[in-house]
Amino acid sequence: MLNKARPKIAILSITILLSGCGEITPKCDDDGVKQSVAELVQKKSDEGIWYKSKHSGPLEVINISTQSHDEKIDIYTCAADIKYSMLGAFFKFPVTYTVQKTEDKNGTYHINLLSF
């Protein structure tokens, strides 16, 4: 059973660049987006004592929903839960992020981690 535990960590914004395929902005549940969100959360969590001392196993992005899609600028605002294990129990906490294609049309897009 998943408990609702939330580490006391907040991020205003982190941006990364990823190489994507084609000219379409990936959706919130795209495998590459999920992997990147998990990596961003883990990277920021590595700075926290809770992760280094007690976390085990990979982070998983679950319960993904598209909060909005602005078609004019082609940006998705997304919400999801991060599932992780600690001391043999499973926990989850909410995360929000955006996905946006860059304007140079080279298959690159930004993922901004808004909060978790």
N, C-alpha and C. Protein backbone atom coordinates (compact mmCIF):
# COMPACT_ATOMS: atom_id res chain seq x y z
N MET A 1 0.84 -1.18 0.00
CA MET A 1 0.00 0.00 0.00
C MET A 1 0.89 1.24 0.00
N LEU A 2 0.50 2.21 -0.77
CA LEU A 2 1.29 3.43 -0.86
C LEU A 2 0.88 4.40 0.22
N ASN A 3 1.86 4.91 0.92
CA ASN A 3 1.61 5.95 1.91
C ASN A 3 1.90 7.29 1.27
N LYS A 4 1.27 8.32 1.76
CA LYS A 4 1.52 9.65 1.21
C LYS A 4 2.55 10.36 2.08
N ALA A 5 3.80 10.10 1.79
CA ALA A 5 4.90 10.79 2.47
C ALA A 5 5.47 11.78 1.47
N ARG A 6 5.95 12.89 1.96
CA ARG A 6 6.51 13.88 1.05
C ARG A 6 7.78 14.46 1.64
N PRO A 7 8.88 14.27 0.96
CA PRO A 7 10.11 14.88 1.43
C PRO A 7 9.97 16.40 1.41
N LYS A 8 10.65 17.04 2.30
CA LYS A 8 10.55 18.50 2.42
C LYS A 8 11.58 19.14 1.48
N ILE A 9 11.31 19.02 0.19
CA ILE A 9 12.19 19.56 -0.84
C ILE A 9 11.32 20.35 -1.82
N ALA A 10 11.79 21.50 -2.26
CA ALA A 10 11.06 22.27 -3.26
C ALA A 10 12.03 22.80 -4.31
N ILE A 11 11.60 22.77 -5.53
CA ILE A 11 12.41 23.29 -6.62
C ILE A 11 11.57 24.32 -7.35
N LEU A 12 12.12 25.48 -7.58
CA LEU A 12 11.40 26.49 -8.34
C LEU A 12 11.37 26.12 -9.81
N SER A 13 12.52 25.80 -10.37
CA SER A 13 12.55 25.42 -11.78
C SER A 13 13.90 24.83 -12.13
N ILE A 14 13.86 23.73 -12.82
CA ILE A 14 15.07 23.11 -13.37
C ILE A 14 14.76 22.85 -14.84
N THR A 15 15.66 23.19 -15.69
CA THR A 15 15.45 22.97 -17.11
C THR A 15 16.55 22.09 -17.65
N ILE A 16 16.15 21.10 -18.46
CA ILE A 16 17.13 20.27 -19.14
C ILE A 16 16.77 20.21 -20.61
N LEU A 17 17.73 19.88 -21.42
CA LEU A 17 17.51 19.71 -22.84
C LEU A 17 17.64 18.24 -23.18
N LEU A 18 16.73 17.77 -24.00
CA LEU A 18 16.73 16.38 -24.42
C LEU A 18 16.60 16.32 -25.93
N SER A 19 17.16 15.32 -26.52
CA SER A 19 16.98 15.12 -27.95
C SER A 19 15.74 14.29 -28.16
N GLY A 20 14.83 14.80 -28.93
CA GLY A 20 13.59 14.10 -29.22
C GLY A 20 13.54 13.71 -30.68
N CYS A 21 12.48 13.03 -31.03
CA CYS A 21 12.30 12.61 -32.41
C CYS A 21 11.21 13.45 -33.05
N GLY A 22 11.45 13.94 -34.25
CA GLY A 22 10.42 14.66 -34.98
C GLY A 22 10.16 16.05 -34.46
N GLU A 23 9.06 16.61 -34.93
CA GLU A 23 8.71 17.99 -34.61
C GLU A 23 7.58 18.09 -33.60
N ILE A 24 7.14 17.00 -33.04
CA ILE A 24 6.01 17.00 -32.11
C ILE A 24 6.53 17.06 -30.68
N THR A 25 5.92 17.94 -29.87
CA THR A 25 6.28 18.01 -28.45
C THR A 25 5.80 16.73 -27.77
N PRO A 26 6.66 16.06 -27.03
CA PRO A 26 6.24 14.84 -26.34
C PRO A 26 5.18 15.16 -25.28
N LYS A 27 4.27 14.24 -25.08
CA LYS A 27 3.21 14.42 -24.09
C LYS A 27 3.73 14.08 -22.70
N CYS A 28 2.91 14.38 -21.70
CA CYS A 28 3.28 14.19 -20.30
C CYS A 28 3.70 12.76 -19.97
N ASP A 29 3.08 11.77 -20.64
CA ASP A 29 3.34 10.37 -20.31
C ASP A 29 4.35 9.70 -21.24
N ASP A 30 5.04 10.48 -22.05
CA ASP A 30 6.08 9.95 -22.93
C ASP A 30 7.17 9.29 -22.09
N ASP A 31 7.66 8.14 -22.53
CA ASP A 31 8.68 7.41 -21.76
C ASP A 31 9.93 8.24 -21.50
N GLY A 32 10.39 8.99 -22.50
CA GLY A 32 11.57 9.84 -22.31
C GLY A 32 11.32 10.95 -21.31
N VAL A 33 10.12 11.51 -21.33
CA VAL A 33 9.75 12.56 -20.37
C VAL A 33 9.71 11.98 -18.96
N LYS A 34 9.07 10.81 -18.80
CA LYS A 34 9.00 10.18 -17.47
C LYS A 34 10.39 9.89 -16.92
N GLN A 35 11.26 9.37 -17.77
CA GLN A 35 12.63 9.06 -17.34
C GLN A 35 13.36 10.33 -16.92
N SER A 36 13.20 11.39 -17.70
CA SER A 36 13.87 12.66 -17.38
C SER A 36 13.34 13.28 -16.10
N VAL A 37 12.03 13.21 -15.89
CA VAL A 37 11.45 13.74 -14.65
C VAL A 37 12.00 12.96 -13.46
N ALA A 38 12.04 11.64 -13.55
CA ALA A 38 12.58 10.82 -12.46
C ALA A 38 14.05 11.17 -12.20
N GLU A 39 14.83 11.37 -13.27
CA GLU A 39 16.24 11.72 -13.11
C GLU A 39 16.41 13.09 -12.45
N LEU A 40 15.57 14.06 -12.84
CA LEU A 40 15.63 15.38 -12.23
C LEU A 40 15.30 15.32 -10.74
N VAL A 41 14.25 14.59 -10.41
CA VAL A 41 13.86 14.46 -9.00
C VAL A 41 14.96 13.76 -8.23
N GLN A 42 15.50 12.68 -8.79
CA GLN A 42 16.56 11.95 -8.10
C GLN A 42 17.79 12.82 -7.92
N LYS A 43 18.16 13.56 -8.96
CA LYS A 43 19.34 14.44 -8.87
C LYS A 43 19.17 15.45 -7.75
N LYS A 44 18.01 16.08 -7.70
CA LYS A 44 17.77 17.07 -6.65
C LYS A 44 17.65 16.38 -5.29
N SER A 45 17.07 15.19 -5.27
CA SER A 45 16.91 14.46 -4.01
C SER A 45 18.24 13.96 -3.47
N ASP A 46 19.19 13.72 -4.36
CA ASP A 46 20.52 13.28 -3.92
C ASP A 46 21.16 14.29 -2.99
N GLU A 47 20.72 15.54 -3.09
CA GLU A 47 21.24 16.59 -2.22
C GLU A 47 20.63 16.51 -0.83
N GLY A 48 19.54 15.77 -0.70
CA GLY A 48 18.86 15.66 0.59
C GLY A 48 19.28 14.42 1.36
N ILE A 49 19.34 14.53 2.65
CA ILE A 49 19.74 13.41 3.50
C ILE A 49 18.78 12.24 3.39
N TRP A 50 17.48 12.51 3.22
CA TRP A 50 16.49 11.43 3.17
C TRP A 50 16.83 10.44 2.07
N TYR A 51 17.28 10.91 0.92
CA TYR A 51 17.57 10.01 -0.19
C TYR A 51 18.83 9.20 0.08
N LYS A 52 19.89 9.84 0.47
CA LYS A 52 21.16 9.15 0.64
C LYS A 52 21.11 8.11 1.75
N SER A 53 20.37 8.38 2.81
CA SER A 53 20.41 7.49 3.95
C SER A 53 19.37 6.38 3.92
N LYS A 54 18.24 6.58 3.24
CA LYS A 54 17.15 5.62 3.39
C LYS A 54 16.53 5.13 2.09
N HIS A 55 16.70 5.84 1.01
CA HIS A 55 16.02 5.49 -0.24
C HIS A 55 16.66 4.26 -0.87
N SER A 56 15.83 3.39 -1.41
CA SER A 56 16.35 2.26 -2.16
C SER A 56 15.47 2.03 -3.37
N GLY A 57 16.08 1.59 -4.44
CA GLY A 57 15.33 1.32 -5.65
C GLY A 57 15.12 2.57 -6.50
N PRO A 58 14.68 2.35 -7.74
CA PRO A 58 14.49 3.48 -8.65
C PRO A 58 13.22 4.28 -8.33
N LEU A 59 13.23 5.53 -8.74
CA LEU A 59 12.03 6.35 -8.65
C LEU A 59 11.16 6.03 -9.85
N GLU A 60 9.85 6.06 -9.66
CA GLU A 60 8.92 5.76 -10.74
C GLU A 60 7.90 6.88 -10.84
N VAL A 61 7.65 7.35 -12.06
CA VAL A 61 6.65 8.39 -12.30
C VAL A 61 5.33 7.69 -12.61
N ILE A 62 4.30 7.92 -11.77
CA ILE A 62 3.01 7.24 -11.91
C ILE A 62 1.87 8.27 -11.86
N ASN A 63 0.68 7.81 -12.14
CA ASN A 63 -0.54 8.63 -12.04
C ASN A 63 -0.39 9.95 -12.81
N ILE A 64 0.08 9.86 -14.02
CA ILE A 64 0.37 11.05 -14.83
C ILE A 64 -0.92 11.62 -15.41
N SER A 65 -1.05 12.93 -15.34
CA SER A 65 -2.20 13.59 -15.98
C SER A 65 -1.74 14.89 -16.64
N THR A 66 -2.39 15.20 -17.75
CA THR A 66 -2.13 16.45 -18.44
C THR A 66 -3.05 17.50 -17.84
N GLN A 67 -2.48 18.50 -17.21
CA GLN A 67 -3.27 19.56 -16.59
C GLN A 67 -3.74 20.57 -17.64
N SER A 68 -2.88 20.84 -18.62
CA SER A 68 -3.27 21.74 -19.70
C SER A 68 -2.33 21.55 -20.89
N HIS A 69 -2.80 21.98 -22.06
CA HIS A 69 -1.96 21.99 -23.26
C HIS A 69 -2.27 23.29 -24.00
N ASP A 70 -1.31 24.17 -24.05
CA ASP A 70 -1.45 25.42 -24.79
C ASP A 70 -0.99 25.14 -26.21
N GLU A 71 -1.94 25.00 -27.12
CA GLU A 71 -1.61 24.64 -28.50
C GLU A 71 -0.86 25.75 -29.23
N LYS A 72 -1.08 26.99 -28.83
CA LYS A 72 -0.43 28.12 -29.51
C LYS A 72 1.09 28.05 -29.36
N ILE A 73 1.56 27.78 -28.15
CA ILE A 73 3.01 27.68 -27.92
C ILE A 73 3.45 26.23 -27.71
N ASP A 74 2.52 25.31 -27.82
CA ASP A 74 2.77 23.86 -27.71
C ASP A 74 3.54 23.50 -26.44
N ILE A 75 2.92 23.81 -25.30
CA ILE A 75 3.50 23.46 -24.00
C ILE A 75 2.48 22.67 -23.20
N TYR A 76 2.94 21.59 -22.60
CA TYR A 76 2.10 20.77 -21.72
C TYR A 76 2.45 21.07 -20.27
N THR A 77 1.44 21.21 -19.44
CA THR A 77 1.62 21.28 -18.00
C THR A 77 1.12 19.95 -17.44
N CYS A 78 1.94 19.29 -16.65
CA CYS A 78 1.68 17.92 -16.23
C CYS A 78 1.72 17.78 -14.71
N ALA A 79 0.99 16.80 -14.21
CA ALA A 79 1.04 16.43 -12.80
C ALA A 79 1.22 14.92 -12.73
N ALA A 80 1.93 14.48 -11.71
CA ALA A 80 2.17 13.05 -11.53
C ALA A 80 2.55 12.80 -10.08
N ASP A 81 2.72 11.55 -9.75
CA ASP A 81 3.25 11.15 -8.45
C ASP A 81 4.60 10.48 -8.68
N ILE A 82 5.51 10.68 -7.76
CA ILE A 82 6.79 9.96 -7.75
C ILE A 82 6.66 8.87 -6.71
N LYS A 83 6.84 7.64 -7.14
CA LYS A 83 6.76 6.48 -6.24
C LYS A 83 8.18 6.04 -5.92
N TYR A 84 8.44 5.76 -4.64
CA TYR A 84 9.76 5.30 -4.22
C TYR A 84 9.61 4.40 -3.01
N SER A 85 10.66 3.67 -2.70
CA SER A 85 10.64 2.81 -1.52
C SER A 85 11.66 3.33 -0.51
N MET A 86 11.30 3.16 0.75
CA MET A 86 12.18 3.58 1.84
C MET A 86 11.96 2.61 3.00
N LEU A 87 13.03 2.01 3.45
CA LEU A 87 12.96 1.08 4.58
C LEU A 87 11.91 -0.01 4.36
N GLY A 88 11.81 -0.48 3.12
CA GLY A 88 10.90 -1.57 2.79
C GLY A 88 9.46 -1.18 2.56
N ALA A 89 9.12 0.09 2.68
CA ALA A 89 7.75 0.56 2.44
C ALA A 89 7.73 1.44 1.19
N PHE A 90 6.56 1.51 0.55
CA PHE A 90 6.41 2.35 -0.63
C PHE A 90 5.72 3.65 -0.27
N PHE A 91 6.18 4.73 -0.90
CA PHE A 91 5.64 6.06 -0.67
C PHE A 91 5.45 6.75 -2.01
N LYS A 92 4.69 7.83 -2.00
CA LYS A 92 4.57 8.65 -3.20
C LYS A 92 4.36 10.10 -2.79
N PHE A 93 4.77 11.00 -3.69
CA PHE A 93 4.54 12.42 -3.48
C PHE A 93 4.30 13.07 -4.84
N PRO A 94 3.56 14.19 -4.86
CA PRO A 94 3.21 14.83 -6.13
C PRO A 94 4.35 15.65 -6.73
N VAL A 95 4.31 15.75 -8.04
CA VAL A 95 5.28 16.56 -8.78
C VAL A 95 4.53 17.23 -9.94
N THR A 96 4.93 18.44 -10.29
CA THR A 96 4.39 19.11 -11.48
C THR A 96 5.55 19.52 -12.38
N TYR A 97 5.30 19.47 -13.67
CA TYR A 97 6.35 19.80 -14.64
C TYR A 97 5.72 20.25 -15.95
N THR A 98 6.53 20.91 -16.78
CA THR A 98 6.09 21.30 -18.12
C THR A 98 7.02 20.67 -19.15
N VAL A 99 6.47 20.47 -20.34
CA VAL A 99 7.23 19.96 -21.48
C VAL A 99 6.97 20.91 -22.64
N GLN A 100 8.05 21.43 -23.25
CA GLN A 100 7.89 22.38 -24.34
C GLN A 100 8.97 22.17 -25.39
N LYS A 101 8.57 22.18 -26.65
CA LYS A 101 9.48 22.08 -27.78
C LYS A 101 10.26 23.39 -27.92
N THR A 102 11.52 23.29 -28.29
CA THR A 102 12.29 24.51 -28.54
C THR A 102 11.92 25.08 -29.92
N GLU A 103 12.23 26.32 -30.12
CA GLU A 103 11.85 26.99 -31.37
C GLU A 103 12.81 26.72 -32.53
N ASP A 104 13.94 26.11 -32.26
CA ASP A 104 14.91 25.88 -33.34
C ASP A 104 14.59 24.66 -34.19
N LYS A 105 13.53 23.94 -33.85
CA LYS A 105 13.02 22.82 -34.65
C LYS A 105 14.07 21.74 -34.92
N ASN A 106 14.92 21.48 -33.93
CA ASN A 106 15.94 20.44 -34.11
C ASN A 106 15.65 19.19 -33.28
N GLY A 107 14.41 19.05 -32.82
CA GLY A 107 14.04 17.87 -32.05
C GLY A 107 14.37 17.97 -30.58
N THR A 108 14.69 19.16 -30.09
CA THR A 108 15.03 19.35 -28.68
C THR A 108 13.83 19.94 -27.96
N TYR A 109 13.66 19.54 -26.70
CA TYR A 109 12.58 20.10 -25.90
C TYR A 109 13.06 20.31 -24.47
N HIS A 110 12.36 21.20 -23.77
CA HIS A 110 12.68 21.52 -22.38
C HIS A 110 11.70 20.80 -21.46
N ILE A 111 12.21 20.33 -20.35
CA ILE A 111 11.36 19.86 -19.26
C ILE A 111 11.69 20.73 -18.06
N ASN A 112 10.69 21.41 -17.55
CA ASN A 112 10.85 22.25 -16.36
C ASN A 112 10.17 21.57 -15.20
N LEU A 113 10.92 21.23 -14.20
CA LEU A 113 10.36 20.65 -12.98
C LEU A 113 9.92 21.81 -12.11
N LEU A 114 8.61 21.96 -11.94
CA LEU A 114 8.08 23.12 -11.24
C LEU A 114 8.08 22.94 -9.73
N SER A 115 7.64 21.78 -9.27
CA SER A 115 7.60 21.56 -7.82
C SER A 115 7.52 20.08 -7.51
N PHE A 116 8.00 19.75 -6.34
CA PHE A 116 7.80 18.42 -5.76
C PHE A 116 8.10 18.47 -4.30
